[in-house]
Amino acid sequence: MPPKQLVLKHDPHILLETLHEDDHVLAIAKPFGVLAHPSPGFWARGTLAHALVGRVSKEMMEEI
């Protein structure tokens, strides 16, 4: 079960290779073994979502 108030913080340990970036698109090569989003054992760090904090808009990081 996720924490009641999950706040994503940037994880500088996840290195992303940028394949393409412009004003509308960010294409990256997700490293093998890196989870896409927080889950049990990875709530605070270690995911693609954590690596993107500060790189994409806050609105793009919110769940709908």
PDB file of N, CA and C in Angstrom:
ATOM      1  N   MET A   1       0.849  -1.182   0.000  1.00  0.00           N
ATOM      2  CA  MET A   1       0.000   0.000   0.000  1.00  0.00           C
ATOM      3  C   MET A   1       0.894   1.244   0.000  1.00  0.00           C
ATOM      4  N   PRO A   2       0.626   2.186  -0.898  1.00  0.00           N
ATOM      5  CA  PRO A   2       1.460   3.401  -0.966  1.00  0.00           C
ATOM      6  C   PRO A   2       1.285   4.273   0.270  1.00  0.00           C
ATOM      7  N   PRO A   3       2.296   5.077   0.569  1.00  0.00           N
ATOM      8  CA  PRO A   3       2.150   6.045   1.664  1.00  0.00           C
ATOM      9  C   PRO A   3       0.958   6.952   1.390  1.00  0.00           C
ATOM     10  N   LYS A   4       0.322   7.441   2.460  1.00  0.00           N
ATOM     11  CA  LYS A   4      -0.865   8.285   2.287  1.00  0.00           C
ATOM     12  C   LYS A   4      -0.568   9.513   1.443  1.00  0.00           C
ATOM     13  N   GLN A   5       0.567  10.131   1.651  1.00  0.00           N
ATOM     14  CA  GLN A   5       0.949  11.336   0.914  1.00  0.00           C
ATOM     15  C   GLN A   5       2.289  11.088   0.240  1.00  0.00           C
ATOM     16  N   LEU A   6       2.267  10.493  -0.929  1.00  0.00           N
ATOM     17  CA  LEU A   6       3.503  10.197  -1.656  1.00  0.00           C
ATOM     18  C   LEU A   6       3.972  11.456  -2.390  1.00  0.00           C
ATOM     19  N   VAL A   7       5.158  11.926  -2.031  1.00  0.00           N
ATOM     20  CA  VAL A   7       5.762  13.078  -2.683  1.00  0.00           C
ATOM     21  C   VAL A   7       7.038  12.595  -3.366  1.00  0.00           C
ATOM     22  N   LEU A   8       7.069  12.700  -4.682  1.00  0.00           N
ATOM     23  CA  LEU A   8       8.241  12.253  -5.424  1.00  0.00           C
ATOM     24  C   LEU A   8       9.382  13.248  -5.279  1.00  0.00           C
ATOM     25  N   LYS A   9      10.566  12.722  -5.022  1.00  0.00           N
ATOM     26  CA  LYS A   9      11.775  13.546  -4.968  1.00  0.00           C
ATOM     27  C   LYS A   9      12.749  13.015  -6.000  1.00  0.00           C
ATOM     28  N   HIS A  10      13.531  13.913  -6.564  1.00  0.00           N
ATOM     29  CA  HIS A  10      14.487  13.546  -7.603  1.00  0.00           C
ATOM     30  C   HIS A  10      15.508  12.537  -7.086  1.00  0.00           C
ATOM     31  N   ASP A  11      15.758  11.508  -7.894  1.00  0.00           N
ATOM     32  CA  ASP A  11      16.793  10.516  -7.579  1.00  0.00           C
ATOM     33  C   ASP A  11      17.903  10.656  -8.614  1.00  0.00           C
ATOM     34  N   PRO A  12      19.018  11.274  -8.251  1.00  0.00           N
ATOM     35  CA  PRO A  12      20.105  11.498  -9.208  1.00  0.00           C
ATOM     36  C   PRO A  12      20.873  10.230  -9.581  1.00  0.00           C
ATOM     37  N   HIS A  13      20.592   9.117  -8.917  1.00  0.00           N
ATOM     38  CA  HIS A  13      21.304   7.869  -9.200  1.00  0.00           C
ATOM     39  C   HIS A  13      20.775   7.155 -10.446  1.00  0.00           C
ATOM     40  N   ILE A  14      19.596   7.547 -10.936  1.00  0.00           N
ATOM     41  CA  ILE A  14      19.035   6.944 -12.140  1.00  0.00           C
ATOM     42  C   ILE A  14      19.503   7.774 -13.331  1.00  0.00           C
ATOM     43  N   LEU A  15      20.364   7.206 -14.137  1.00  0.00           N
ATOM     44  CA  LEU A  15      20.894   7.912 -15.305  1.00  0.00           C
ATOM     45  C   LEU A  15      20.059   7.578 -16.527  1.00  0.00           C
ATOM     46  N   LEU A  16      19.585   8.607 -17.208  1.00  0.00           N
ATOM     47  CA  LEU A  16      18.723   8.432 -18.374  1.00  0.00           C
ATOM     48  C   LEU A  16      19.440   8.873 -19.641  1.00  0.00           C
ATOM     49  N   GLU A  17      19.346   8.062 -20.678  1.00  0.00           N
ATOM     50  CA  GLU A  17      19.864   8.438 -21.990  1.00  0.00           C
ATOM     51  C   GLU A  17      18.739   9.115 -22.753  1.00  0.00           C
ATOM     52  N   THR A  18      18.958  10.379 -23.133  1.00  0.00           N
ATOM     53  CA  THR A  18      17.954  11.112 -23.895  1.00  0.00           C
ATOM     54  C   THR A  18      18.101  10.791 -25.372  1.00  0.00           C
ATOM     55  N   LEU A  19      17.021  10.266 -25.952  1.00  0.00           N
ATOM     56  CA  LEU A  19      17.019   9.935 -27.379  1.00  0.00           C
ATOM     57  C   LEU A  19      16.538  11.111 -28.216  1.00  0.00           C
ATOM     58  N   HIS A  20      15.571  11.866 -27.672  1.00  0.00           N
ATOM     59  CA  HIS A  20      15.027  13.044 -28.356  1.00  0.00           C
ATOM     60  C   HIS A  20      14.349  13.919 -27.316  1.00  0.00           C
ATOM     61  N   GLU A  21      14.512  15.227 -27.465  1.00  0.00           N
ATOM     62  CA  GLU A  21      13.828  16.164 -26.573  1.00  0.00           C
ATOM     63  C   GLU A  21      13.537  17.441 -27.324  1.00  0.00           C
ATOM     64  N   ASP A  22      12.277  17.862 -27.251  1.00  0.00           N
ATOM     65  CA  ASP A  22      11.886  19.165 -27.779  1.00  0.00           C
ATOM     66  C   ASP A  22      10.814  19.728 -26.850  1.00  0.00           C
ATOM     67  N   ASP A  23      10.100  20.757 -27.285  1.00  0.00           N
ATOM     68  CA  ASP A  23       9.109  21.388 -26.408  1.00  0.00           C
ATOM     69  C   ASP A  23       7.916  20.495 -26.080  1.00  0.00           C
ATOM     70  N   HIS A  24       7.714  19.426 -26.847  1.00  0.00           N
ATOM     71  CA  HIS A  24       6.524  18.596 -26.672  1.00  0.00           C
ATOM     72  C   HIS A  24       6.810  17.131 -26.362  1.00  0.00           C
ATOM     73  N   VAL A  25       8.017  16.683 -26.628  1.00  0.00           N
ATOM     74  CA  VAL A  25       8.335  15.251 -26.499  1.00  0.00           C
ATOM     75  C   VAL A  25       9.660  15.056 -25.767  1.00  0.00           C
ATOM     76  N   LEU A  26       9.658  14.077 -24.884  1.00  0.00           N
ATOM     77  CA  LEU A  26      10.889  13.628 -24.252  1.00  0.00           C
ATOM     78  C   LEU A  26      10.943  12.120 -24.443  1.00  0.00           C
ATOM     79  N   ALA A  27      11.895  11.645 -25.212  1.00  0.00           N
ATOM     80  CA  ALA A  27      12.081  10.211 -25.423  1.00  0.00           C
ATOM     81  C   ALA A  27      13.381   9.802 -24.750  1.00  0.00           C
ATOM     82  N   ILE A  28      13.268   8.842 -23.846  1.00  0.00           N
ATOM     83  CA  ILE A  28      14.445   8.376 -23.119  1.00  0.00           C
ATOM     84  C   ILE A  28      14.570   6.862 -23.270  1.00  0.00           C
ATOM     85  N   ALA A  29      15.761   6.352 -23.026  1.00  0.00           N
ATOM     86  CA  ALA A  29      15.985   4.916 -22.986  1.00  0.00           C
ATOM     87  C   ALA A  29      15.978   4.512 -21.516  1.00  0.00           C
ATOM     88  N   LYS A  30      14.898   3.844 -21.087  1.00  0.00           N
ATOM     89  CA  LYS A  30      14.788   3.433 -19.690  1.00  0.00           C
ATOM     90  C   LYS A  30      15.789   2.317 -19.421  1.00  0.00           C
ATOM     91  N   PRO A  31      16.633   2.494 -18.415  1.00  0.00           N
ATOM     92  CA  PRO A  31      17.610   1.448 -18.096  1.00  0.00           C
ATOM     93  C   PRO A  31      16.920   0.136 -17.686  1.00  0.00           C
ATOM     94  N   PHE A  32      17.485  -0.977 -18.097  1.00  0.00           N
ATOM     95  CA  PHE A  32      16.968  -2.290 -17.728  1.00  0.00           C
ATOM     96  C   PHE A  32      16.932  -2.419 -16.206  1.00  0.00           C
ATOM     97  N   GLY A  33      15.844  -2.928 -15.689  1.00  0.00           N
ATOM     98  CA  GLY A  33      15.725  -3.163 -14.259  1.00  0.00           C
ATOM     99  C   GLY A  33      15.200  -1.989 -13.460  1.00  0.00           C
ATOM    100  N   VAL A  34      15.096  -0.823 -14.077  1.00  0.00           N
ATOM    101  CA  VAL A  34      14.560   0.349 -13.384  1.00  0.00           C
ATOM    102  C   VAL A  34      13.042   0.332 -13.535  1.00  0.00           C
ATOM    103  N   LEU A  35      12.342   0.381 -12.413  1.00  0.00           N
ATOM    104  CA  LEU A  35      10.883   0.401 -12.453  1.00  0.00           C
ATOM    105  C   LEU A  35      10.385   1.727 -13.001  1.00  0.00           C
ATOM    106  N   ALA A  36       9.211   1.711 -13.607  1.00  0.00           N
ATOM    107  CA  ALA A  36       8.652   2.931 -14.193  1.00  0.00           C
ATOM    108  C   ALA A  36       8.093   3.880 -13.137  1.00  0.00           C
ATOM    109  N   HIS A  37       7.452   3.335 -12.116  1.00  0.00           N
ATOM    110  CA  HIS A  37       6.811   4.188 -11.112  1.00  0.00           C
ATOM    111  C   HIS A  37       6.992   3.591  -9.723  1.00  0.00           C
ATOM    112  N   PRO A  38       6.791   4.405  -8.675  1.00  0.00           N
ATOM    113  CA  PRO A  38       6.948   3.925  -7.307  1.00  0.00           C
ATOM    114  C   PRO A  38       6.037   2.732  -7.011  1.00  0.00           C
ATOM    115  N   SER A  39       6.555   1.814  -6.208  1.00  0.00           N
ATOM    116  CA  SER A  39       5.816   0.625  -5.795  1.00  0.00           C
ATOM    117  C   SER A  39       6.469   0.116  -4.506  1.00  0.00           C
ATOM    118  N   PRO A  40       5.907  -0.921  -3.885  1.00  0.00           N
ATOM    119  CA  PRO A  40       6.481  -1.391  -2.622  1.00  0.00           C
ATOM    120  C   PRO A  40       7.993  -1.620  -2.718  1.00  0.00           C
ATOM    121  N   GLY A  41       8.705  -1.046  -1.764  1.00  0.00           N
ATOM    122  CA  GLY A  41      10.158  -1.120  -1.731  1.00  0.00           C
ATOM    123  C   GLY A  41      10.842  -0.015  -2.518  1.00  0.00           C
ATOM    124  N   PHE A  42      10.078   0.714  -3.306  1.00  0.00           N
ATOM    125  CA  PHE A  42      10.625   1.782  -4.155  1.00  0.00           C
ATOM    126  C   PHE A  42       9.776   3.054  -4.053  1.00  0.00           C
ATOM    127  N   TRP A  43       9.205   3.313  -2.894  1.00  0.00           N
ATOM    128  CA  TRP A  43       8.373   4.510  -2.737  1.00  0.00           C
ATOM    129  C   TRP A  43       9.224   5.777  -2.762  1.00  0.00           C
ATOM    130  N   ALA A  44      10.400   5.751  -2.191  1.00  0.00           N
ATOM    131  CA  ALA A  44      11.193   6.968  -2.004  1.00  0.00           C
ATOM    132  C   ALA A  44      12.247   7.211  -3.076  1.00  0.00           C
ATOM    133  N   ARG A  45      12.623   6.161  -3.843  1.00  0.00           N
ATOM    134  CA  ARG A  45      13.709   6.351  -4.820  1.00  0.00           C
ATOM    135  C   ARG A  45      13.766   5.152  -5.764  1.00  0.00           C
ATOM    136  N   GLY A  46      14.592   5.299  -6.804  1.00  0.00           N
ATOM    137  CA  GLY A  46      14.921   4.164  -7.650  1.00  0.00           C
ATOM    138  C   GLY A  46      14.041   3.903  -8.850  1.00  0.00           C
ATOM    139  N   THR A  47      13.151   4.835  -9.211  1.00  0.00           N
ATOM    140  CA  THR A  47      12.269   4.595 -10.350  1.00  0.00           C
ATOM    141  C   THR A  47      12.444   5.667 -11.433  1.00  0.00           C
ATOM    142  N   LEU A  48      11.925   5.371 -12.595  1.00  0.00           N
ATOM    143  CA  LEU A  48      11.936   6.338 -13.693  1.00  0.00           C
ATOM    144  C   LEU A  48      11.228   7.629 -13.280  1.00  0.00           C
ATOM    145  N   ALA A  49      10.116   7.498 -12.590  1.00  0.00           N
ATOM    146  CA  ALA A  49       9.385   8.683 -12.122  1.00  0.00           C
ATOM    147  C   ALA A  49      10.267   9.553 -11.235  1.00  0.00           C
ATOM    148  N   HIS A  50      11.035   8.950 -10.346  1.00  0.00           N
ATOM    149  CA  HIS A  50      11.940   9.726  -9.484  1.00  0.00           C
ATOM    150  C   HIS A  50      13.025  10.426 -10.303  1.00  0.00           C
ATOM    151  N   ALA A  51      13.487   9.774 -11.353  1.00  0.00           N
ATOM    152  CA  ALA A  51      14.527  10.371 -12.199  1.00  0.00           C
ATOM    153  C   ALA A  51      14.012  11.563 -12.985  1.00  0.00           C
ATOM    154  N   LEU A  52      12.703  11.581 -13.261  1.00  0.00           N
ATOM    155  CA  LEU A  52      12.131  12.658 -14.074  1.00  0.00           C
ATOM    156  C   LEU A  52      11.678  13.874 -13.269  1.00  0.00           C
ATOM    157  N   VAL A  53      11.686  13.771 -11.941  1.00  0.00           N
ATOM    158  CA  VAL A  53      11.292  14.910 -11.107  1.00  0.00           C
ATOM    159  C   VAL A  53      12.202  16.091 -11.414  1.00  0.00           C
ATOM    160  N   GLY A  54      11.608  17.221 -11.735  1.00  0.00           N
ATOM    161  CA  GLY A  54      12.366  18.423 -12.066  1.00  0.00           C
ATOM    162  C   GLY A  54      12.713  18.527 -13.539  1.00  0.00           C
ATOM    163  N   ARG A  55      12.537  17.449 -14.279  1.00  0.00           N
ATOM    164  CA  ARG A  55      12.849  17.476 -15.710  1.00  0.00           C
ATOM    165  C   ARG A  55      11.588  17.661 -16.554  1.00  0.00           C
ATOM    166  N   VAL A  56      10.466  17.181 -16.058  1.00  0.00           N
ATOM    167  CA  VAL A  56       9.186  17.375 -16.734  1.00  0.00           C
ATOM    168  C   VAL A  56       8.271  18.158 -15.801  1.00  0.00           C
ATOM    169  N   SER A  57       7.219  18.728 -16.343  1.00  0.00           N
ATOM    170  CA  SER A  57       6.338  19.578 -15.543  1.00  0.00           C
ATOM    171  C   SER A  57       5.657  18.794 -14.426  1.00  0.00           C
ATOM    172  N   LYS A  58       5.322  19.485 -13.374  1.00  0.00           N
ATOM    173  CA  LYS A  58       4.657  18.882 -12.224  1.00  0.00           C
ATOM    174  C   LYS A  58       3.339  18.227 -12.652  1.00  0.00           C
ATOM    175  N   GLU A  59       2.628  18.854 -13.575  1.00  0.00           N
ATOM    176  CA  GLU A  59       1.348  18.324 -14.043  1.00  0.00           C
ATOM    177  C   GLU A  59       1.522  16.960 -14.703  1.00  0.00           C
ATOM    178  N   MET A  60       2.642  16.756 -15.400  1.00  0.00           N
ATOM    179  CA  MET A  60       2.891  15.473 -16.052  1.00  0.00           C
ATOM    180  C   MET A  60       3.204  14.380 -15.029  1.00  0.00           C
ATOM    181  N   MET A  61       3.620  14.754 -13.839  1.00  0.00           N
ATOM    182  CA  MET A  61       3.987  13.789 -12.817  1.00  0.00           C
ATOM    183  C   MET A  61       2.797  13.400 -11.937  1.00  0.00           C
ATOM    184  N   GLU A  62       1.671  14.094 -12.073  1.00  0.00           N
ATOM    185  CA  GLU A  62       0.510  13.819 -11.221  1.00  0.00           C
ATOM    186  C   GLU A  62      -0.314  12.681 -11.771  1.00  0.00           C
ATOM    187  N   GLU A  63      -0.891  11.900 -10.860  1.00  0.00           N
ATOM    188  CA  GLU A  63      -1.826  10.847 -11.254  1.00  0.00           C
ATOM    189  C   GLU A  63      -3.190  11.475 -11.491  1.00  0.00           C
ATOM    190  N   ILE A  64      -3.910  10.884 -12.396  1.00  0.00           N
ATOM    191  CA  ILE A  64      -5.277  11.378 -12.668  1.00  0.00           C
ATOM    192  C   ILE A  64      -6.263  10.402 -12.090  1.00  0.00           C
TER     193      ILE A  64
END
